Structures are given as structure tokens and as C-alpha cells.
């Protein structure tokens, strides 16, 4: 009789585990938008998923349903002098030293960013603003659409001193 009772207990346990509610995730593209004049976001990550500006990168997993307090970790690298005019020619003997010095000025940042409420998730869009501010959205609208939730202009000036929080 003991083996039968053990079998029933194991079966019941498996049924209960199988009924456990699991969070549902959906795959989406990752888009980046840099709003800071004369800089470039070389790369960025959202919760470890890599993205680049200038188009969508596949893929990032996003919760199918929004929950209050939902946040993502955004990490990024900025070239503060992306459009320098003093770059030597590629075959110039000083080119390699110039590039090494230029890359030494790259800046790295990370920030926890709150995800605004969404009903139906679409691609994640990350907006890089002056003073290392970041906004994200999973809106199905495109940047520039009247109903798109992030409306900061492109090519914003970086202030000399950023406000403290």
C-alpha cells in the first residue's frame, strides 16, 4: 500500500507544480534614439540585451502584461565627440594614437529606468536625453507620431551643469 500512496503524492505534487502561474514574456525589437547633439550612443543594453541606434535590433523579452514598479536596467556607452573634425586620415601615422585617445574619452553609464504602463507591448524604444536621463516605452506608435509618449526633440544641447537630484 505504501508504494501506491507515494505514487499518489508524487502525482498530486506534479499536478500542483504544473498549475503554477508563470509569467508570460514576448519577444520584441530594441530601438535606440539619441537626443543629445554632437554625441553618439555607440551601444546600449537593456537587461543584458544589446541594441544599437539607427534601427531595430532583435530581440528583447518583455513581459506580456505591465506591472506597477516595473523597471529595466539600461547600460550605454557615449562618444562625447562623435563628430570631431580633427581626425587624421586613416593612413596617417598619428591615426592609431588619435583613435586610442578618442576612445579613452568614451563614457559609460547605467541606470534603472521605470517602464511606463502599457496595454499591449510592442518593440522597446530607449531614448537617451541630456544629463544621462533615459526614457523607455513599449508603445506601438512610432517616434514623431502625435500619440507617441516621448516627445523630446532631437539634437538637444547638453547643459554645462546638469541638475542634481
C-alpha atoms as a PDB file:
ATOM      1  CA  UNK A   1       0.000   0.000   0.000  1.00  0.00           C
ATOM      2  CA  UNK A   2       2.869   2.391   0.710  1.00  0.00           C
ATOM      3  CA  UNK A   3       4.087   2.480  -2.928  1.00  0.00           C
ATOM      4  CA  UNK A   4       0.566   3.390  -4.076  1.00  0.00           C
ATOM      5  CA  UNK A   5       0.306   6.262  -1.533  1.00  0.00           C
ATOM      6  CA  UNK A   6       3.733   7.503  -2.568  1.00  0.00           C
ATOM      7  CA  UNK A   7       2.641   7.381  -6.221  1.00  0.00           C
ATOM      8  CA  UNK A   8      -0.472   9.451  -5.419  1.00  0.00           C
ATOM      9  CA  UNK A   9       1.561  12.038  -3.507  1.00  0.00           C
ATOM     10  CA  UNK A  10       4.088  12.386  -6.330  1.00  0.00           C
ATOM     11  CA  UNK A  11       1.313  12.670  -8.923  1.00  0.00           C
ATOM     12  CA  UNK A  12      -0.511  15.330  -6.888  1.00  0.00           C
ATOM     13  CA  UNK A  13       2.733  17.277  -6.421  1.00  0.00           C
ATOM     14  CA  UNK A  14       3.438  17.215 -10.168  1.00  0.00           C
ATOM     15  CA  UNK A  15      -0.083  18.423 -10.920  1.00  0.00           C
ATOM     16  CA  UNK A  16       0.285  21.315  -8.479  1.00  0.00           C
ATOM     17  CA  UNK A  17       3.661  22.306  -9.916  1.00  0.00           C
ATOM     18  CA  UNK A  18       2.224  22.145 -13.429  1.00  0.00           C
ATOM     19  CA  UNK A  19      -0.534  24.566 -12.397  1.00  0.00           C
ATOM     20  CA  UNK A  20       1.921  27.148 -11.082  1.00  0.00           C
ATOM     21  CA  UNK A  21       1.316  30.501 -12.771  1.00  0.00           C
ATOM     22  CA  UNK A  22       4.263  31.506 -14.930  1.00  0.00           C
ATOM     23  CA  UNK A  23       4.949  34.996 -16.202  1.00  0.00           C
ATOM     24  CA  UNK A  24       4.402  35.252 -19.942  1.00  0.00           C
ATOM     25  CA  UNK A  25       7.049  37.033 -21.991  1.00  0.00           C
ATOM     26  CA  UNK A  26       7.000  38.187 -25.594  1.00  0.00           C
ATOM     27  CA  UNK A  27       9.930  38.870 -27.926  1.00  0.00           C
ATOM     28  CA  UNK A  28      10.316  42.311 -29.454  1.00  0.00           C
ATOM     29  CA  UNK A  29      12.859  44.514 -31.174  1.00  0.00           C
ATOM     30  CA  UNK A  30      15.032  47.019 -29.368  1.00  0.00           C
ATOM     31  CA  UNK A  31      15.409  50.564 -30.760  1.00  0.00           C
ATOM     32  CA  UNK A  32      17.609  53.406 -29.520  1.00  0.00           C
ATOM     33  CA  UNK A  33      17.196  57.147 -30.067  1.00  0.00           C
ATOM     34  CA  UNK A  34      19.917  59.617 -29.098  1.00  0.00           C
ATOM     35  CA  UNK A  35      18.604  63.130 -28.420  1.00  0.00           C
ATOM     36  CA  UNK A  36      21.941  64.719 -27.411  1.00  0.00           C
ATOM     37  CA  UNK A  37      23.571  66.959 -30.006  1.00  0.00           C
ATOM     38  CA  UNK A  38      27.125  66.133 -31.191  1.00  0.00           C
ATOM     39  CA  UNK A  39      27.258  62.820 -29.324  1.00  0.00           C
ATOM     40  CA  UNK A  40      26.765  59.219 -30.316  1.00  0.00           C
ATOM     41  CA  UNK A  41      25.456  56.279 -28.329  1.00  0.00           C
ATOM     42  CA  UNK A  42      27.884  53.600 -29.507  1.00  0.00           C
ATOM     43  CA  UNK A  43      25.934  50.748 -27.945  1.00  0.00           C
ATOM     44  CA  UNK A  44      23.394  50.104 -25.230  1.00  0.00           C
ATOM     45  CA  UNK A  45      21.902  47.190 -23.323  1.00  0.00           C
ATOM     46  CA  UNK A  46      18.516  46.708 -21.707  1.00  0.00           C
ATOM     47  CA  UNK A  47      18.552  43.940 -19.106  1.00  0.00           C
ATOM     48  CA  UNK A  48      21.569  42.490 -20.927  1.00  0.00           C
ATOM     49  CA  UNK A  49      20.070  42.590 -24.458  1.00  0.00           C
ATOM     50  CA  UNK A  50      22.280  44.616 -26.840  1.00  0.00           C
ATOM     51  CA  UNK A  51      20.952  47.392 -29.019  1.00  0.00           C
ATOM     52  CA  UNK A  52      22.311  49.977 -31.420  1.00  0.00           C
ATOM     53  CA  UNK A  53      20.909  53.202 -32.772  1.00  0.00           C
ATOM     54  CA  UNK A  54      19.731  53.636 -36.329  1.00  0.00           C
ATOM     55  CA  UNK A  55      17.404  50.653 -36.464  1.00  0.00           C
ATOM     56  CA  UNK A  56      15.921  47.785 -34.552  1.00  0.00           C
ATOM     57  CA  UNK A  57      17.937  45.005 -33.002  1.00  0.00           C
ATOM     58  CA  UNK A  58      16.366  41.652 -32.313  1.00  0.00           C
ATOM     59  CA  UNK A  59      15.435  40.600 -29.660  1.00  0.00           C
ATOM     60  CA  UNK A  60      14.432  41.537 -26.161  1.00  0.00           C
ATOM     61  CA  UNK A  61      11.977  39.660 -23.969  1.00  0.00           C
ATOM     62  CA  UNK A  62       9.297  41.842 -22.410  1.00  0.00           C
ATOM     63  CA  UNK A  63       6.520  40.895 -20.008  1.00  0.00           C
ATOM     64  CA  UNK A  64       3.205  40.432 -21.823  1.00  0.00           C
ATOM     65  CA  UNK A  65       1.498  42.350 -19.029  1.00  0.00           C
ATOM     66  CA  UNK A  66       2.722  45.532 -17.366  1.00  0.00           C
ATOM     67  CA  UNK A  67       3.091  45.539 -13.584  1.00  0.00           C
ATOM     68  CA  UNK A  68       3.418  48.597 -11.323  1.00  0.00           C
ATOM     69  CA  UNK A  69       7.027  49.404 -10.455  1.00  0.00           C
ATOM     70  CA  UNK A  70       8.366  47.511 -13.477  1.00  0.00           C
ATOM     71  CA  UNK A  71      11.925  48.642 -14.254  1.00  0.00           C
ATOM     72  CA  UNK A  72      14.714  47.799 -16.657  1.00  0.00           C
ATOM     73  CA  UNK A  73      18.477  48.220 -16.353  1.00  0.00           C
ATOM     74  CA  UNK A  74      19.823  50.379 -19.183  1.00  0.00           C
ATOM     75  CA  UNK A  75      23.592  50.473 -19.772  1.00  0.00           C
ATOM     76  CA  UNK A  76      25.201  52.520 -22.538  1.00  0.00           C
ATOM     77  CA  UNK A  77      28.411  53.959 -23.980  1.00  0.00           C
ATOM     78  CA  UNK A  78      28.608  57.538 -25.285  1.00  0.00           C
ATOM     79  CA  UNK A  79      31.128  59.098 -27.621  1.00  0.00           C
ATOM     80  CA  UNK A  80      31.041  62.735 -26.425  1.00  0.00           C
ATOM     81  CA  UNK A  81      32.851  63.966 -29.558  1.00  0.00           C
ATOM     82  CA  UNK A  82      31.218  61.849 -32.234  1.00  0.00           C
ATOM     83  CA  UNK A  83      31.631  64.446 -34.956  1.00  0.00           C
ATOM     84  CA  UNK A  84      35.189  65.614 -34.331  1.00  0.00           C
ATOM     85  CA  UNK A  85      36.732  67.478 -37.252  1.00  0.00           C
ATOM     86  CA  UNK A  86      40.394  66.921 -36.351  1.00  0.00           C
ATOM     87  CA  UNK A  87      40.511  63.203 -37.224  1.00  0.00           C
ATOM     88  CA  UNK A  88      43.703  62.326 -39.119  1.00  0.00           C
ATOM     89  CA  UNK A  89      43.472  60.297 -42.322  1.00  0.00           C
ATOM     90  CA  UNK A  90      43.430  56.521 -41.859  1.00  0.00           C
ATOM     91  CA  UNK A  91      46.909  56.117 -43.364  1.00  0.00           C
ATOM     92  CA  UNK A  92      48.364  58.971 -41.255  1.00  0.00           C
ATOM     93  CA  UNK A  93      50.969  57.654 -38.749  1.00  0.00           C
ATOM     94  CA  UNK A  94      49.161  59.501 -35.918  1.00  0.00           C
ATOM     95  CA  UNK A  95      45.779  57.901 -36.662  1.00  0.00           C
ATOM     96  CA  UNK A  96      46.081  54.937 -34.255  1.00  0.00           C
ATOM     97  CA  UNK A  97      47.192  57.170 -31.372  1.00  0.00           C
ATOM     98  CA  UNK A  98      44.355  59.586 -32.132  1.00  0.00           C
ATOM     99  CA  UNK A  99      41.761  56.786 -32.067  1.00  0.00           C
ATOM    100  CA  UNK A 100      43.182  55.371 -28.841  1.00  0.00           C
ATOM    101  CA  UNK A 101      42.963  58.791 -27.174  1.00  0.00           C
ATOM    102  CA  UNK A 102      39.498  59.411 -28.648  1.00  0.00           C
ATOM    103  CA  UNK A 103      38.162  56.096 -27.301  1.00  0.00           C
ATOM    104  CA  UNK A 104      39.627  56.881 -23.865  1.00  0.00           C
ATOM    105  CA  UNK A 105      37.042  59.688 -23.661  1.00  0.00           C
ATOM    106  CA  UNK A 106      34.067  57.352 -24.151  1.00  0.00           C
ATOM    107  CA  UNK A 107      31.728  57.453 -21.171  1.00  0.00           C
ATOM    108  CA  UNK A 108      29.840  54.539 -19.652  1.00  0.00           C
ATOM    109  CA  UNK A 109      26.563  54.828 -17.777  1.00  0.00           C
ATOM    110  CA  UNK A 110      23.912  52.614 -16.249  1.00  0.00           C
ATOM    111  CA  UNK A 111      20.524  53.430 -14.838  1.00  0.00           C
ATOM    112  CA  UNK A 112      17.386  51.685 -13.598  1.00  0.00           C
ATOM    113  CA  UNK A 113      14.506  53.084 -15.641  1.00  0.00           C
ATOM    114  CA  UNK A 114      10.824  52.756 -14.837  1.00  0.00           C
ATOM    115  CA  UNK A 115       8.718  51.247 -17.610  1.00  0.00           C
ATOM    116  CA  UNK A 116       5.539  53.271 -18.166  1.00  0.00           C
ATOM    117  CA  UNK A 117       2.212  51.469 -18.285  1.00  0.00           C
ATOM    118  CA  UNK A 118       1.392  49.631 -21.493  1.00  0.00           C
ATOM    119  CA  UNK A 119      -1.622  47.604 -22.539  1.00  0.00           C
ATOM    120  CA  UNK A 120      -0.128  45.760 -25.483  1.00  0.00           C
ATOM    121  CA  UNK A 121       3.673  45.621 -25.704  1.00  0.00           C
ATOM    122  CA  UNK A 122       5.455  46.372 -28.946  1.00  0.00           C
ATOM    123  CA  UNK A 123       9.157  46.947 -29.538  1.00  0.00           C
ATOM    124  CA  UNK A 124      11.087  48.568 -26.698  1.00  0.00           C
ATOM    125  CA  UNK A 125      12.287  52.043 -27.557  1.00  0.00           C
ATOM    126  CA  UNK A 126      15.026  53.675 -25.482  1.00  0.00           C
ATOM    127  CA  UNK A 127      15.539  57.455 -25.596  1.00  0.00           C
ATOM    128  CA  UNK A 128      18.852  58.942 -24.424  1.00  0.00           C
ATOM    129  CA  UNK A 129      18.442  62.518 -23.210  1.00  0.00           C
ATOM    130  CA  UNK A 130      20.815  65.184 -21.839  1.00  0.00           C
ATOM    131  CA  UNK A 131      22.268  64.698 -18.348  1.00  0.00           C
ATOM    132  CA  UNK A 132      22.174  60.905 -18.664  1.00  0.00           C
ATOM    133  CA  UNK A 133      18.388  60.838 -18.493  1.00  0.00           C
ATOM    134  CA  UNK A 134      16.768  57.842 -20.142  1.00  0.00           C
ATOM    135  CA  UNK A 135      13.153  57.129 -21.032  1.00  0.00           C
ATOM    136  CA  UNK A 136      11.736  53.862 -22.341  1.00  0.00           C
ATOM    137  CA  UNK A 137       8.427  52.933 -23.890  1.00  0.00           C
ATOM    138  CA  UNK A 138       6.762  49.880 -25.355  1.00  0.00           C
ATOM    139  CA  UNK A 139       4.287  51.996 -27.309  1.00  0.00           C
ATOM    140  CA  UNK A 140       3.140  50.623 -30.653  1.00  0.00           C
ATOM    141  CA  UNK A 141       3.321  54.143 -32.108  1.00  0.00           C
ATOM    142  CA  UNK A 142       6.461  55.448 -33.824  1.00  0.00           C
ATOM    143  CA  UNK A 143       8.626  58.315 -32.595  1.00  0.00           C
ATOM    144  CA  UNK A 144       7.181  61.508 -34.034  1.00  0.00           C
ATOM    145  CA  UNK A 145       3.580  60.237 -34.040  1.00  0.00           C
ATOM    146  CA  UNK A 146       1.232  62.615 -32.156  1.00  0.00           C
ATOM    147  CA  UNK A 147       0.266  59.811 -29.733  1.00  0.00           C
ATOM    148  CA  UNK A 148       3.834  58.662 -29.072  1.00  0.00           C
ATOM    149  CA  UNK A 149       4.545  59.163 -25.334  1.00  0.00           C
ATOM    150  CA  UNK A 150       8.097  60.592 -25.625  1.00  0.00           C
ATOM    151  CA  UNK A 151       8.215  63.951 -27.377  1.00  0.00           C
ATOM    152  CA  UNK A 152      11.638  65.442 -26.606  1.00  0.00           C
ATOM    153  CA  UNK A 153      13.295  66.937 -29.696  1.00  0.00           C
ATOM    154  CA  UNK A 154      16.386  65.507 -31.325  1.00  0.00           C
ATOM    155  CA  UNK A 155      19.743  67.322 -31.123  1.00  0.00           C
ATOM    156  CA  UNK A 156      19.215  68.728 -27.633  1.00  0.00           C
ATOM    157  CA  UNK A 157      22.123  70.666 -26.125  1.00  0.00           C
ATOM    158  CA  UNK A 158      23.898  69.112 -23.145  1.00  0.00           C
ATOM    159  CA  UNK A 159      23.919  71.758 -20.395  1.00  0.00           C
ATOM    160  CA  UNK A 160      27.240  72.790 -18.867  1.00  0.00           C
ATOM    161  CA  UNK A 161      25.961  71.680 -15.461  1.00  0.00           C
ATOM    162  CA  UNK A 162      23.276  69.045 -15.052  1.00  0.00           C
ATOM    163  CA  UNK A 163      20.670  69.476 -12.319  1.00  0.00           C
ATOM    164  CA  UNK A 164      21.227  67.377  -9.209  1.00  0.00           C
ATOM    165  CA  UNK A 165      18.511  65.116  -7.956  1.00  0.00           C
END
